[in-house]
């Protein structure tokens, strides 16, 4: 019996399973939600009439997102 070295051809592919399909679907949904949310933030920034207001709005978004992340992290730490 001869053993193949890592990366040597032919590479055996494992069959796609239902679990893989579910994971791919979940990843695609998460990616879509991220891009929709980021698009909303970008739309808000592009509505600002001046560069200074764009930067101010960006700082507000950053502060709000960081505050939400801190709040959720604290809840999860308390929960266990």
Protein backbone atom coordinates (compact mmCIF):
# COMPACT_ATOMS: atom_id res chain seq x y z
CA UNK A 1 0.00 0.00 0.00
CA UNK A 2 1.45 3.34 -1.00
CA UNK A 3 0.62 6.43 0.94
CA UNK A 4 0.19 9.73 -0.78
CA UNK A 5 1.90 12.84 0.51
CA UNK A 6 -0.28 15.73 1.70
CA UNK A 7 -1.53 17.73 -1.25
CA UNK A 8 -0.73 14.99 -3.75
CA UNK A 9 -3.27 14.20 -6.46
CA UNK A 10 -5.90 12.85 -6.61
CA UNK A 11 -7.51 14.62 -3.71
CA UNK A 12 -10.48 12.74 -2.33
CA UNK A 13 -13.41 15.01 -1.68
CA UNK A 14 -15.76 14.17 1.09
CA UNK A 15 -19.43 14.03 0.15
CA UNK A 16 -21.53 17.06 0.95
CA UNK A 17 -23.86 16.38 3.82
CA UNK A 18 -26.98 18.04 5.12
CA UNK A 19 -24.96 19.50 8.01
CA UNK A 20 -22.59 21.18 5.56
CA UNK A 21 -25.56 22.58 3.66
CA UNK A 22 -27.06 23.96 6.87
CA UNK A 23 -23.74 25.54 7.85
CA UNK A 24 -23.36 27.10 4.40
CA UNK A 25 -26.90 28.48 4.57
CA UNK A 26 -26.28 29.95 8.03
CA UNK A 27 -23.00 31.52 6.89
CA UNK A 28 -24.70 33.00 3.83
CA UNK A 29 -27.49 34.45 5.99
CA UNK A 30 -24.98 35.98 8.41
CA UNK A 31 -22.97 37.46 5.55
CA UNK A 32 -26.12 38.90 3.96
CA UNK A 33 -27.23 40.47 7.25
CA UNK A 34 -23.77 42.01 7.70
CA UNK A 35 -23.81 43.56 4.22
CA UNK A 36 -27.37 44.87 4.57
CA UNK A 37 -26.47 46.48 7.89
CA UNK A 38 -23.24 47.92 6.55
CA UNK A 39 -25.14 49.27 3.55
CA UNK A 40 -27.54 51.06 5.89
CA UNK A 41 -24.66 52.67 7.76
CA UNK A 42 -23.06 53.72 4.47
CA UNK A 43 -26.36 55.21 3.25
CA UNK A 44 -26.59 57.27 6.43
CA UNK A 45 -23.02 58.49 6.01
CA UNK A 46 -23.58 59.42 2.38
CA UNK A 47 -26.63 61.51 3.34
CA UNK A 48 -24.44 63.81 5.42
CA UNK A 49 -23.92 67.17 3.67
CA UNK A 50 -20.28 67.85 4.62
CA UNK A 51 -17.08 65.92 5.33
CA UNK A 52 -17.13 67.04 8.97
CA UNK A 53 -20.67 65.72 9.42
CA UNK A 54 -19.72 62.43 7.73
CA UNK A 55 -16.92 61.97 10.27
CA UNK A 56 -19.18 62.97 13.17
CA UNK A 57 -21.83 60.47 12.05
CA UNK A 58 -19.15 57.81 11.71
CA UNK A 59 -18.04 58.45 15.28
CA UNK A 60 -21.66 58.21 16.48
CA UNK A 61 -22.07 54.85 14.71
CA UNK A 62 -18.79 53.61 16.19
CA UNK A 63 -19.80 54.67 19.70
CA UNK A 64 -23.26 53.10 19.40
CA UNK A 65 -21.94 49.79 18.04
CA UNK A 66 -19.23 49.58 20.70
CA UNK A 67 -21.79 50.30 23.44
CA UNK A 68 -24.05 47.52 22.13
CA UNK A 69 -21.14 45.08 21.99
CA UNK A 70 -20.14 45.94 25.57
CA UNK A 71 -23.71 45.48 26.78
CA UNK A 72 -24.13 42.09 25.09
CA UNK A 73 -20.72 40.88 26.31
CA UNK A 74 -21.59 41.84 29.90
CA UNK A 75 -24.92 39.98 29.69
CA UNK A 76 -23.17 36.85 28.43
CA UNK A 77 -20.50 37.05 31.14
CA UNK A 78 -23.23 37.25 33.79
CA UNK A 79 -25.13 34.37 32.21
CA UNK A 80 -22.18 32.15 32.49
